Amino acid sequence: MTQAELREVWSTRINDYRASGERVATWCERHQVTPRQLWYWMRKLKGEDEPKQATNKPQWVPLQVKESTSDTASPLLVKVGSASIEVRSGFDPSLLADVVKVLKTLW
């Protein structure tokens, strides 16, 4: 008997034992095998007769990266007269230019 055939025989026996609901000693006596053989093959074939779980396989998960809302760079402080403007990274340069022009006309 080949190793594959032996595995198949024991896989069938183990499934039969599990389905029987009998105690190990009772089942083994009825099938003329020793409890030691049954436990050996149960350990050896553990997981082989069970379907593989999909969770054991790596899965790609979509990840959405958002821009950080906290600035790590120091803000730039712009003073025009008595007014001061704090400028952070990502500012709109045209808006800043417009605000500075307006402040200059007021002072």
PDB file of N, CA and C in Angstrom:
ATOM      1  N   MET A   1       0.858  -1.173   0.000  1.00  0.00           N
ATOM      2  CA  MET A   1       0.000   0.000   0.000  1.00  0.00           C
ATOM      3  C   MET A   1       0.909   1.242   0.000  1.00  0.00           C
ATOM      4  N   THR A   2       0.622   2.202  -0.873  1.00  0.00           N
ATOM      5  CA  THR A   2       1.431   3.418  -0.943  1.00  0.00           C
ATOM      6  C   THR A   2       1.094   4.344   0.221  1.00  0.00           C
ATOM      7  N   GLN A   3       1.961   5.328   0.440  1.00  0.00           N
ATOM      8  CA  GLN A   3       1.734   6.289   1.516  1.00  0.00           C
ATOM      9  C   GLN A   3       0.436   7.067   1.294  1.00  0.00           C
ATOM     10  N   ALA A   4       0.163   7.420   0.049  1.00  0.00           N
ATOM     11  CA  ALA A   4      -1.071   8.149  -0.266  1.00  0.00           C
ATOM     12  C   ALA A   4      -2.303   7.290   0.026  1.00  0.00           C
ATOM     13  N   GLU A   5      -2.227   6.012  -0.319  1.00  0.00           N
ATOM     14  CA  GLU A   5      -3.356   5.109  -0.055  1.00  0.00           C
ATOM     15  C   GLU A   5      -3.562   4.931   1.446  1.00  0.00           C
ATOM     16  N   LEU A   6      -2.464   4.816   2.184  1.00  0.00           N
ATOM     17  CA  LEU A   6      -2.545   4.669   3.631  1.00  0.00           C
ATOM     18  C   LEU A   6      -3.170   5.917   4.267  1.00  0.00           C
ATOM     19  N   ARG A   7      -2.774   7.074   3.786  1.00  0.00           N
ATOM     20  CA  ARG A   7      -3.369   8.316   4.291  1.00  0.00           C
ATOM     21  C   ARG A   7      -4.875   8.349   4.015  1.00  0.00           C
ATOM     22  N   GLU A   8      -5.257   7.891   2.830  1.00  0.00           N
ATOM     23  CA  GLU A   8      -6.672   7.890   2.469  1.00  0.00           C
ATOM     24  C   GLU A   8      -7.465   6.937   3.368  1.00  0.00           C
ATOM     25  N   VAL A   9      -6.899   5.751   3.637  1.00  0.00           N
ATOM     26  CA  VAL A   9      -7.556   4.774   4.519  1.00  0.00           C
ATOM     27  C   VAL A   9      -7.762   5.379   5.902  1.00  0.00           C
ATOM     28  N   TRP A  10      -6.689   6.002   6.433  1.00  0.00           N
ATOM     29  CA  TRP A  10      -6.792   6.552   7.779  1.00  0.00           C
ATOM     30  C   TRP A  10      -7.669   7.793   7.822  1.00  0.00           C
ATOM     31  N   SER A  11      -7.679   8.550   6.773  1.00  0.00           N
ATOM     32  CA  SER A  11      -8.566   9.712   6.720  1.00  0.00           C
ATOM     33  C   SER A  11     -10.021   9.250   6.779  1.00  0.00           C
ATOM     34  N   THR A  12     -10.328   8.184   6.045  1.00  0.00           N
ATOM     35  CA  THR A  12     -11.679   7.621   6.060  1.00  0.00           C
ATOM     36  C   THR A  12     -12.010   7.077   7.446  1.00  0.00           C
ATOM     37  N   ARG A  13     -11.065   6.391   8.061  1.00  0.00           N
ATOM     38  CA  ARG A  13     -11.280   5.844   9.409  1.00  0.00           C
ATOM     39  C   ARG A  13     -11.528   6.959  10.423  1.00  0.00           C
ATOM     40  N   ILE A  14     -10.734   8.011  10.350  1.00  0.00           N
ATOM     41  CA  ILE A  14     -10.889   9.121  11.302  1.00  0.00           C
ATOM     42  C   ILE A  14     -12.242   9.792  11.127  1.00  0.00           C
ATOM     43  N   ASN A  15     -12.652  10.005   9.887  1.00  0.00           N
ATOM     44  CA  ASN A  15     -13.973  10.596   9.646  1.00  0.00           C
ATOM     45  C   ASN A  15     -15.075   9.692  10.178  1.00  0.00           C
ATOM     46  N   ASP A  16     -14.903   8.377  10.015  1.00  0.00           N
ATOM     47  CA  ASP A  16     -15.876   7.413  10.530  1.00  0.00           C
ATOM     48  C   ASP A  16     -15.935   7.475  12.055  1.00  0.00           C
ATOM     49  N   TYR A  17     -14.757   7.528  12.688  1.00  0.00           N
ATOM     50  CA  TYR A  17     -14.707   7.616  14.155  1.00  0.00           C
ATOM     51  C   TYR A  17     -15.421   8.877  14.639  1.00  0.00           C
ATOM     52  N   ARG A  18     -15.116  10.017  14.019  1.00  0.00           N
ATOM     53  CA  ARG A  18     -15.726  11.288  14.441  1.00  0.00           C
ATOM     54  C   ARG A  18     -17.242  11.269  14.249  1.00  0.00           C
ATOM     55  N   ALA A  19     -17.693  10.682  13.168  1.00  0.00           N
ATOM     56  CA  ALA A  19     -19.134  10.623  12.895  1.00  0.00           C
ATOM     57  C   ALA A  19     -19.858   9.648  13.814  1.00  0.00           C
ATOM     58  N   SER A  20     -19.132   8.662  14.350  1.00  0.00           N
ATOM     59  CA  SER A  20     -19.772   7.621  15.157  1.00  0.00           C
ATOM     60  C   SER A  20     -20.242   8.131  16.513  1.00  0.00           C
ATOM     61  N   GLY A  21     -19.539   9.086  17.074  1.00  0.00           N
ATOM     62  CA  GLY A  21     -19.882   9.571  18.403  1.00  0.00           C
ATOM     63  C   GLY A  21     -19.463   8.609  19.504  1.00  0.00           C
ATOM     64  N   GLU A  22     -18.762   7.543  19.147  1.00  0.00           N
ATOM     65  CA  GLU A  22     -18.324   6.545  20.118  1.00  0.00           C
ATOM     66  C   GLU A  22     -17.057   7.001  20.841  1.00  0.00           C
ATOM     67  N   ARG A  23     -16.822   6.350  21.972  1.00  0.00           N
ATOM     68  CA  ARG A  23     -15.557   6.573  22.675  1.00  0.00           C
ATOM     69  C   ARG A  23     -14.451   5.911  21.866  1.00  0.00           C
ATOM     70  N   VAL A  24     -13.232   6.406  22.039  1.00  0.00           N
ATOM     71  CA  VAL A  24     -12.084   5.885  21.285  1.00  0.00           C
ATOM     72  C   VAL A  24     -11.952   4.379  21.473  1.00  0.00           C
ATOM     73  N   ALA A  25     -11.989   3.925  22.725  1.00  0.00           N
ATOM     74  CA  ALA A  25     -11.788   2.496  23.010  1.00  0.00           C
ATOM     75  C   ALA A  25     -12.850   1.640  22.322  1.00  0.00           C
ATOM     76  N   THR A  26     -14.090   2.080  22.359  1.00  0.00           N
ATOM     77  CA  THR A  26     -15.186   1.316  21.761  1.00  0.00           C
ATOM     78  C   THR A  26     -15.017   1.240  20.244  1.00  0.00           C
ATOM     79  N   TRP A  27     -14.756   2.386  19.633  1.00  0.00           N
ATOM     80  CA  TRP A  27     -14.610   2.427  18.181  1.00  0.00           C
ATOM     81  C   TRP A  27     -13.410   1.579  17.737  1.00  0.00           C
ATOM     82  N   CYS A  28     -12.290   1.715  18.438  1.00  0.00           N
ATOM     83  CA  CYS A  28     -11.078   0.974  18.072  1.00  0.00           C
ATOM     84  C   CYS A  28     -11.282  -0.538  18.194  1.00  0.00           C
ATOM     85  N   GLU A  29     -11.948  -0.962  19.250  1.00  0.00           N
ATOM     86  CA  GLU A  29     -12.201  -2.391  19.424  1.00  0.00           C
ATOM     87  C   GLU A  29     -13.074  -2.922  18.294  1.00  0.00           C
ATOM     88  N   ARG A  30     -14.083  -2.159  17.928  1.00  0.00           N
ATOM     89  CA  ARG A  30     -14.995  -2.581  16.866  1.00  0.00           C
ATOM     90  C   ARG A  30     -14.294  -2.628  15.508  1.00  0.00           C
ATOM     91  N   HIS A  31     -13.289  -1.765  15.285  1.00  0.00           N
ATOM     92  CA  HIS A  31     -12.594  -1.708  13.996  1.00  0.00           C
ATOM     93  C   HIS A  31     -11.217  -2.385  14.024  1.00  0.00           C
ATOM     94  N   GLN A  32     -10.909  -3.016  15.124  1.00  0.00           N
ATOM     95  CA  GLN A  32      -9.677  -3.788  15.291  1.00  0.00           C
ATOM     96  C   GLN A  32      -8.413  -2.965  15.029  1.00  0.00           C
ATOM     97  N   VAL A  33      -8.380  -1.766  15.643  1.00  0.00           N
ATOM     98  CA  VAL A  33      -7.177  -0.946  15.649  1.00  0.00           C
ATOM     99  C   VAL A  33      -6.933  -0.510  17.087  1.00  0.00           C
ATOM    100  N   THR A  34      -5.712  -0.122  17.385  1.00  0.00           N
ATOM    101  CA  THR A  34      -5.420   0.309  18.750  1.00  0.00           C
ATOM    102  C   THR A  34      -5.701   1.807  18.884  1.00  0.00           C
ATOM    103  N   PRO A  35      -6.060   2.237  20.084  1.00  0.00           N
ATOM    104  CA  PRO A  35      -6.252   3.676  20.298  1.00  0.00           C
ATOM    105  C   PRO A  35      -4.989   4.470  19.946  1.00  0.00           C
ATOM    106  N   ARG A  36      -3.831   3.870  20.185  1.00  0.00           N
ATOM    107  CA  ARG A  36      -2.567   4.536  19.864  1.00  0.00           C
ATOM    108  C   ARG A  36      -2.466   4.827  18.360  1.00  0.00           C
ATOM    109  N   GLN A  37      -2.883   3.852  17.540  1.00  0.00           N
ATOM    110  CA  GLN A  37      -2.865   4.061  16.083  1.00  0.00           C
ATOM    111  C   GLN A  37      -3.814   5.196  15.684  1.00  0.00           C
ATOM    112  N   LEU A  38      -4.997   5.185  16.262  1.00  0.00           N
ATOM    113  CA  LEU A  38      -5.981   6.210  15.933  1.00  0.00           C
ATOM    114  C   LEU A  38      -5.458   7.591  16.294  1.00  0.00           C
ATOM    115  N   TRP A  39      -4.909   7.749  17.501  1.00  0.00           N
ATOM    116  CA  TRP A  39      -4.390   9.053  17.924  1.00  0.00           C
ATOM    117  C   TRP A  39      -3.205   9.484  17.062  1.00  0.00           C
ATOM    118  N   TYR A  40      -2.341   8.532  16.704  1.00  0.00           N
ATOM    119  CA  TYR A  40      -1.201   8.835  15.856  1.00  0.00           C
ATOM    120  C   TYR A  40      -1.654   9.425  14.519  1.00  0.00           C
ATOM    121  N   TRP A  41      -2.594   8.739  13.884  1.00  0.00           N
ATOM    122  CA  TRP A  41      -3.047   9.190  12.581  1.00  0.00           C
ATOM    123  C   TRP A  41      -3.874  10.471  12.668  1.00  0.00           C
ATOM    124  N   MET A  42      -4.576  10.659  13.749  1.00  0.00           N
ATOM    125  CA  MET A  42      -5.317  11.910  13.930  1.00  0.00           C
ATOM    126  C   MET A  42      -4.342  13.086  14.019  1.00  0.00           C
ATOM    127  N   ARG A  43      -3.239  12.889  14.747  1.00  0.00           N
ATOM    128  CA  ARG A  43      -2.227  13.950  14.828  1.00  0.00           C
ATOM    129  C   ARG A  43      -1.552  14.156  13.473  1.00  0.00           C
ATOM    130  N   LYS A  44      -1.213  13.052  12.821  1.00  0.00           N
ATOM    131  CA  LYS A  44      -0.498  13.118  11.548  1.00  0.00           C
ATOM    132  C   LYS A  44      -1.331  13.797  10.460  1.00  0.00           C
ATOM    133  N   LEU A  45      -2.611  13.525  10.422  1.00  0.00           N
ATOM    134  CA  LEU A  45      -3.475  14.063   9.374  1.00  0.00           C
ATOM    135  C   LEU A  45      -4.254  15.302   9.815  1.00  0.00           C
ATOM    136  N   LYS A  46      -3.916  15.819  10.983  1.00  0.00           N
ATOM    137  CA  LYS A  46      -4.655  16.968  11.500  1.00  0.00           C
ATOM    138  C   LYS A  46      -4.677  18.088  10.472  1.00  0.00           C
ATOM    139  N   GLY A  47      -5.857  18.520  10.119  1.00  0.00           N
ATOM    140  CA  GLY A  47      -6.039  19.608   9.172  1.00  0.00           C
ATOM    141  C   GLY A  47      -6.058  19.186   7.714  1.00  0.00           C
ATOM    142  N   GLU A  48      -5.558  17.989   7.377  1.00  0.00           N
ATOM    143  CA  GLU A  48      -5.532  17.581   5.974  1.00  0.00           C
ATOM    144  C   GLU A  48      -6.910  17.247   5.442  1.00  0.00           C
ATOM    145  N   ASP A  49      -7.775  16.715   6.303  1.00  0.00           N
ATOM    146  CA  ASP A  49      -9.100  16.342   5.834  1.00  0.00           C
ATOM    147  C   ASP A  49     -10.115  17.466   6.000  1.00  0.00           C
ATOM    148  N   GLU A  50      -9.660  18.607   6.562  1.00  0.00           N
ATOM    149  CA  GLU A  50     -10.537  19.754   6.715  1.00  0.00           C
ATOM    150  C   GLU A  50     -10.305  20.699   5.544  1.00  0.00           C
ATOM    151  N   PRO A  51     -11.345  21.344   5.060  1.00  0.00           N
ATOM    152  CA  PRO A  51     -11.144  22.296   3.961  1.00  0.00           C
ATOM    153  C   PRO A  51     -10.275  23.458   4.419  1.00  0.00           C
ATOM    154  N   LYS A  52      -9.443  23.917   3.524  1.00  0.00           N
ATOM    155  CA  LYS A  52      -8.560  25.038   3.843  1.00  0.00           C
ATOM    156  C   LYS A  52      -9.402  26.302   3.991  1.00  0.00           C
ATOM    157  N   GLN A  53      -9.123  27.049   5.021  1.00  0.00           N
ATOM    158  CA  GLN A  53      -9.833  28.296   5.258  1.00  0.00           C
ATOM    159  C   GLN A  53      -9.256  29.391   4.378  1.00  0.00           C
ATOM    160  N   ALA A  54     -10.111  30.190   3.810  1.00  0.00           N
ATOM    161  CA  ALA A  54      -9.659  31.299   2.969  1.00  0.00           C
ATOM    162  C   ALA A  54      -8.904  32.335   3.781  1.00  0.00           C
ATOM    163  N   THR A  55      -9.154  32.362   5.102  1.00  0.00           N
ATOM    164  CA  THR A  55      -8.482  33.349   5.939  1.00  0.00           C
ATOM    165  C   THR A  55      -7.006  33.038   6.109  1.00  0.00           C
ATOM    166  N   ASN A  56      -6.584  31.825   5.768  1.00  0.00           N
ATOM    167  CA  ASN A  56      -5.176  31.495   5.877  1.00  0.00           C
ATOM    168  C   ASN A  56      -4.362  32.101   4.742  1.00  0.00           C
ATOM    169  N   LYS A  57      -5.045  32.529   3.686  1.00  0.00           N
ATOM    170  CA  LYS A  57      -4.358  33.096   2.538  1.00  0.00           C
ATOM    171  C   LYS A  57      -4.243  34.606   2.718  1.00  0.00           C
ATOM    172  N   PRO A  58      -3.117  35.170   2.328  1.00  0.00           N
ATOM    173  CA  PRO A  58      -3.009  36.637   2.419  1.00  0.00           C
ATOM    174  C   PRO A  58      -4.021  37.297   1.498  1.00  0.00           C
ATOM    175  N   GLN A  59      -4.560  38.392   1.943  1.00  0.00           N
ATOM    176  CA  GLN A  59      -5.534  39.117   1.145  1.00  0.00           C
ATOM    177  C   GLN A  59      -5.099  40.567   1.029  1.00  0.00           C
ATOM    178  N   TRP A  60      -5.328  41.156  -0.130  1.00  0.00           N
ATOM    179  CA  TRP A  60      -5.052  42.566  -0.331  1.00  0.00           C
ATOM    180  C   TRP A  60      -6.280  43.338   0.094  1.00  0.00           C
ATOM    181  N   VAL A  61      -6.069  44.332   0.895  1.00  0.00           N
ATOM    182  CA  VAL A  61      -7.156  45.161   1.376  1.00  0.00           C
ATOM    183  C   VAL A  61      -6.937  46.575   0.848  1.00  0.00           C
ATOM    184  N   PRO A  62      -7.961  47.184   0.243  1.00  0.00           N
ATOM    185  CA  PRO A  62      -7.763  48.546  -0.253  1.00  0.00           C
ATOM    186  C   PRO A  62      -7.519  49.504   0.909  1.00  0.00           C
ATOM    187  N   LEU A  63      -6.603  50.401   0.707  1.00  0.00           N
ATOM    188  CA  LEU A  63      -6.235  51.356   1.746  1.00  0.00           C
ATOM    189  C   LEU A  63      -6.311  52.746   1.154  1.00  0.00           C
ATOM    190  N   GLN A  64      -6.994  53.626   1.847  1.00  0.00           N
ATOM    191  CA  GLN A  64      -7.117  54.996   1.391  1.00  0.00           C
ATOM    192  C   GLN A  64      -6.290  55.867   2.319  1.00  0.00           C
ATOM    193  N   VAL A  65      -5.304  56.561   1.739  1.00  0.00           N
ATOM    194  CA  VAL A  65      -4.423  57.407   2.529  1.00  0.00           C
ATOM    195  C   VAL A  65      -4.921  58.838   2.425  1.00  0.00           C
ATOM    196  N   LYS A  66      -5.136  59.450   3.567  1.00  0.00           N
ATOM    197  CA  LYS A  66      -5.600  60.830   3.592  1.00  0.00           C
ATOM    198  C   LYS A  66      -4.425  61.734   3.961  1.00  0.00           C
ATOM    199  N   GLU A  67      -4.493  62.945   3.460  1.00  0.00           N
ATOM    200  CA  GLU A  67      -3.478  63.924   3.799  1.00  0.00           C
ATOM    201  C   GLU A  67      -3.548  64.198   5.293  1.00  0.00           C
ATOM    202  N   SER A  68      -2.399  64.387   5.894  1.00  0.00           N
ATOM    203  CA  SER A  68      -2.348  64.698   7.315  1.00  0.00           C
ATOM    204  C   SER A  68      -2.874  66.109   7.546  1.00  0.00           C
ATOM    205  N   THR A  69      -3.724  66.264   8.546  1.00  0.00           N
ATOM    206  CA  THR A  69      -4.277  67.585   8.837  1.00  0.00           C
ATOM    207  C   THR A  69      -3.372  68.373   9.770  1.00  0.00           C
ATOM    208  N   SER A  70      -2.468  67.700  10.427  1.00  0.00           N
ATOM    209  CA  SER A  70      -1.582  68.417  11.335  1.00  0.00           C
ATOM    210  C   SER A  70      -0.294  68.788  10.612  1.00  0.00           C
ATOM    211  N   ASP A  71       0.094  70.041  10.756  1.00  0.00           N
ATOM    212  CA  ASP A  71       1.326  70.509  10.130  1.00  0.00           C
ATOM    213  C   ASP A  71       2.488  70.254  11.070  1.00  0.00           C
ATOM    214  N   THR A  72       3.511  69.664  10.531  1.00  0.00           N
ATOM    215  CA  THR A  72       4.711  69.450  11.342  1.00  0.00           C
ATOM    216  C   THR A  72       5.696  70.592  11.148  1.00  0.00           C
ATOM    217  N   ALA A  73       5.557  71.334  10.008  1.00  0.00           N
ATOM    218  CA  ALA A  73       6.447  72.469   9.759  1.00  0.00           C
ATOM    219  C   ALA A  73       5.947  73.684  10.531  1.00  0.00           C
ATOM    220  N   SER A  74       6.860  74.536  10.909  1.00  0.00           N
ATOM    221  CA  SER A  74       6.486  75.756  11.622  1.00  0.00           C
ATOM    222  C   SER A  74       5.810  76.721  10.657  1.00  0.00           C
ATOM    223  N   PRO A  75       4.755  77.404  11.116  1.00  0.00           N
ATOM    224  CA  PRO A  75       4.098  78.372  10.238  1.00  0.00           C
ATOM    225  C   PRO A  75       4.968  79.621  10.048  1.00  0.00           C
ATOM    226  N   LEU A  76       4.732  80.319   8.953  1.00  0.00           N
ATOM    227  CA  LEU A  76       5.423  81.565   8.653  1.00  0.00           C
ATOM    228  C   LEU A  76       4.528  82.709   9.091  1.00  0.00           C
ATOM    229  N   LEU A  77       5.073  83.650   9.851  1.00  0.00           N
ATOM    230  CA  LEU A  77       4.297  84.775  10.328  1.00  0.00           C
ATOM    231  C   LEU A  77       4.634  85.988   9.463  1.00  0.00           C
ATOM    232  N   VAL A  78       3.630  86.538   8.764  1.00  0.00           N
ATOM    233  CA  VAL A  78       3.803  87.700   7.886  1.00  0.00           C
ATOM    234  C   VAL A  78       3.131  88.892   8.566  1.00  0.00           C
ATOM    235  N   LYS A  79       3.893  90.000   8.747  1.00  0.00           N
ATOM    236  CA  LYS A  79       3.340  91.209   9.373  1.00  0.00           C
ATOM    237  C   LYS A  79       3.271  92.322   8.339  1.00  0.00           C
ATOM    238  N   VAL A  80       2.089  92.895   8.249  1.00  0.00           N
ATOM    239  CA  VAL A  80       1.870  94.048   7.385  1.00  0.00           C
ATOM    240  C   VAL A  80       1.239  95.119   8.276  1.00  0.00           C
ATOM    241  N   GLY A  81       2.027  96.098   8.635  1.00  0.00           N
ATOM    242  CA  GLY A  81       1.537  97.109   9.582  1.00  0.00           C
ATOM    243  C   GLY A  81       1.311  96.449  10.927  1.00  0.00           C
ATOM    244  N   SER A  82       0.146  96.674  11.484  1.00  0.00           N
ATOM    245  CA  SER A  82      -0.167  96.058  12.777  1.00  0.00           C
ATOM    246  C   SER A  82      -0.841  94.696  12.617  1.00  0.00           C
ATOM    247  N   ALA A  83      -1.118  94.304  11.378  1.00  0.00           N
ATOM    248  CA  ALA A  83      -1.754  93.012  11.110  1.00  0.00           C
ATOM    249  C   ALA A  83      -0.689  91.926  10.950  1.00  0.00           C
ATOM    250  N   SER A  84      -1.011  90.763  11.407  1.00  0.00           N
ATOM    251  CA  SER A  84      -0.104  89.622  11.211  1.00  0.00           C
ATOM    252  C   SER A  84      -0.903  88.446  10.642  1.00  0.00           C
ATOM    253  N   ILE A  85      -0.254  87.754   9.718  1.00  0.00           N
ATOM    254  CA  ILE A  85      -0.887  86.617   9.032  1.00  0.00           C
ATOM    255  C   ILE A  85      -0.006  85.395   9.238  1.00  0.00           C
ATOM    256  N   GLU A  86      -0.624  84.324   9.700  1.00  0.00           N
ATOM    257  CA  GLU A  86       0.109  83.057   9.863  1.00  0.00           C
ATOM    258  C   GLU A  86      -0.086  82.232   8.606  1.00  0.00           C
ATOM    259  N   VAL A  87       1.020  81.858   7.964  1.00  0.00           N
ATOM    260  CA  VAL A  87       0.962  81.103   6.718  1.00  0.00           C
ATOM    261  C   VAL A  87       1.517  79.709   6.965  1.00  0.00           C
ATOM    262  N   ARG A  88       0.735  78.729   6.644  1.00  0.00           N
ATOM    263  CA  ARG A  88       1.150  77.323   6.808  1.00  0.00           C
ATOM    264  C   ARG A  88       1.389  76.695   5.448  1.00  0.00           C
ATOM    265  N   SER A  89       2.044  75.554   5.443  1.00  0.00           N
ATOM    266  CA  SER A  89       2.289  74.861   4.176  1.00  0.00           C
ATOM    267  C   SER A  89       0.964  74.514   3.520  1.00  0.00           C
ATOM    268  N   GLY A  90       0.943  74.600   2.195  1.00  0.00           N
ATOM    269  CA  GLY A  90      -0.270  74.308   1.453  1.00  0.00           C
ATOM    270  C   GLY A  90      -1.160  75.514   1.258  1.00  0.00           C
ATOM    271  N   PHE A  91      -0.679  76.720   1.610  1.00  0.00           N
ATOM    272  CA  PHE A  91      -1.493  77.927   1.460  1.00  0.00           C
ATOM    273  C   PHE A  91      -1.684  78.273  -0.017  1.00  0.00           C
ATOM    274  N   ASP A  92      -2.680  79.101  -0.272  1.00  0.00           N
ATOM    275  CA  ASP A  92      -2.954  79.569  -1.638  1.00  0.00           C
ATOM    276  C   ASP A  92      -2.183  80.877  -1.854  1.00  0.00           C
ATOM    277  N   PRO A  93      -1.129  80.871  -2.677  1.00  0.00           N
ATOM    278  CA  PRO A  93      -0.308  82.069  -2.864  1.00  0.00           C
ATOM    279  C   PRO A  93      -1.081  83.271  -3.411  1.00  0.00           C
ATOM    280  N   SER A  94      -2.010  83.045  -4.307  1.00  0.00           N
ATOM    281  CA  SER A  94      -2.759  84.184  -4.865  1.00  0.00           C
ATOM    282  C   SER A  94      -3.656  84.815  -3.802  1.00  0.00           C
ATOM    283  N   LEU A  95      -4.226  84.007  -2.917  1.00  0.00           N
ATOM    284  CA  LEU A  95      -5.042  84.547  -1.836  1.00  0.00           C
ATOM    285  C   LEU A  95      -4.182  85.379  -0.894  1.00  0.00           C
ATOM    286  N   LEU A  96      -3.006  84.878  -0.559  1.00  0.00           N
ATOM    287  CA  LEU A  96      -2.106  85.616   0.323  1.00  0.00           C
ATOM    288  C   LEU A  96      -1.715  86.954  -0.314  1.00  0.00           C
ATOM    289  N   ALA A  97      -1.403  86.943  -1.598  1.00  0.00           N
ATOM    290  CA  ALA A  97      -1.036  88.182  -2.299  1.00  0.00           C
ATOM    291  C   ALA A  97      -2.177  89.188  -2.260  1.00  0.00           C
ATOM    292  N   ASP A  98      -3.404  88.706  -2.458  1.00  0.00           N
ATOM    293  CA  ASP A  98      -4.561  89.604  -2.413  1.00  0.00           C
ATOM    294  C   ASP A  98      -4.749  90.199  -1.023  1.00  0.00           C
ATOM    295  N   VAL A  99      -4.593  89.383   0.016  1.00  0.00           N
ATOM    296  CA  VAL A  99      -4.761  89.854   1.392  1.00  0.00           C
ATOM    297  C   VAL A  99      -3.686  90.894   1.721  1.00  0.00           C
ATOM    298  N   VAL A 100      -2.447  90.658   1.312  1.00  0.00           N
ATOM    299  CA  VAL A 100      -1.363  91.600   1.585  1.00  0.00           C
ATOM    300  C   VAL A 100      -1.631  92.926   0.866  1.00  0.00           C
ATOM    301  N   LYS A 101      -2.080  92.890  -0.393  1.00  0.00           N
ATOM    302  CA  LYS A 101      -2.405  94.117  -1.137  1.00  0.00           C
ATOM    303  C   LYS A 101      -3.472  94.939  -0.414  1.00  0.00           C
ATOM    304  N   VAL A 102      -4.499  94.268   0.066  1.00  0.00           N
ATOM    305  CA  VAL A 102      -5.585  94.962   0.777  1.00  0.00           C
ATOM    306  C   VAL A 102      -5.037  95.580   2.060  1.00  0.00           C
ATOM    307  N   LEU A 103      -4.229  94.845   2.800  1.00  0.00           N
ATOM    308  CA  LEU A 103      -3.676  95.381   4.046  1.00  0.00           C
ATOM    309  C   LEU A 103      -2.785  96.592   3.794  1.00  0.00           C
ATOM    310  N   LYS A 104      -2.010  96.565   2.705  1.00  0.00           N
ATOM    311  CA  LYS A 104      -1.131  97.687   2.381  1.00  0.00           C
ATOM    312  C   LYS A 104      -1.948  98.943   2.094  1.00  0.00           C
ATOM    313  N   THR A 105      -3.077  98.781   1.451  1.00  0.00           N
ATOM    314  CA  THR A 105      -3.898  99.958   1.125  1.00  0.00           C
ATOM    315  C   THR A 105      -4.555 100.530   2.377  1.00  0.00           C
ATOM    316  N   LEU A 106      -4.781  99.677   3.378  1.00  0.00           N
ATOM    317  CA  LEU A 106      -5.424 100.148   4.619  1.00  0.00           C
ATOM    318  C   LEU A 106      -4.442 100.876   5.535  1.00  0.00           C
ATOM    319  N   TRP A 107      -3.162 100.659   5.399  1.00  0.00           N
ATOM    320  CA  TRP A 107      -2.191 101.272   6.317  1.00  0.00           C
ATOM    321  C   TRP A 107      -1.518 102.394   5.692  1.00  0.00           C
TER     322      TRP A 107
END
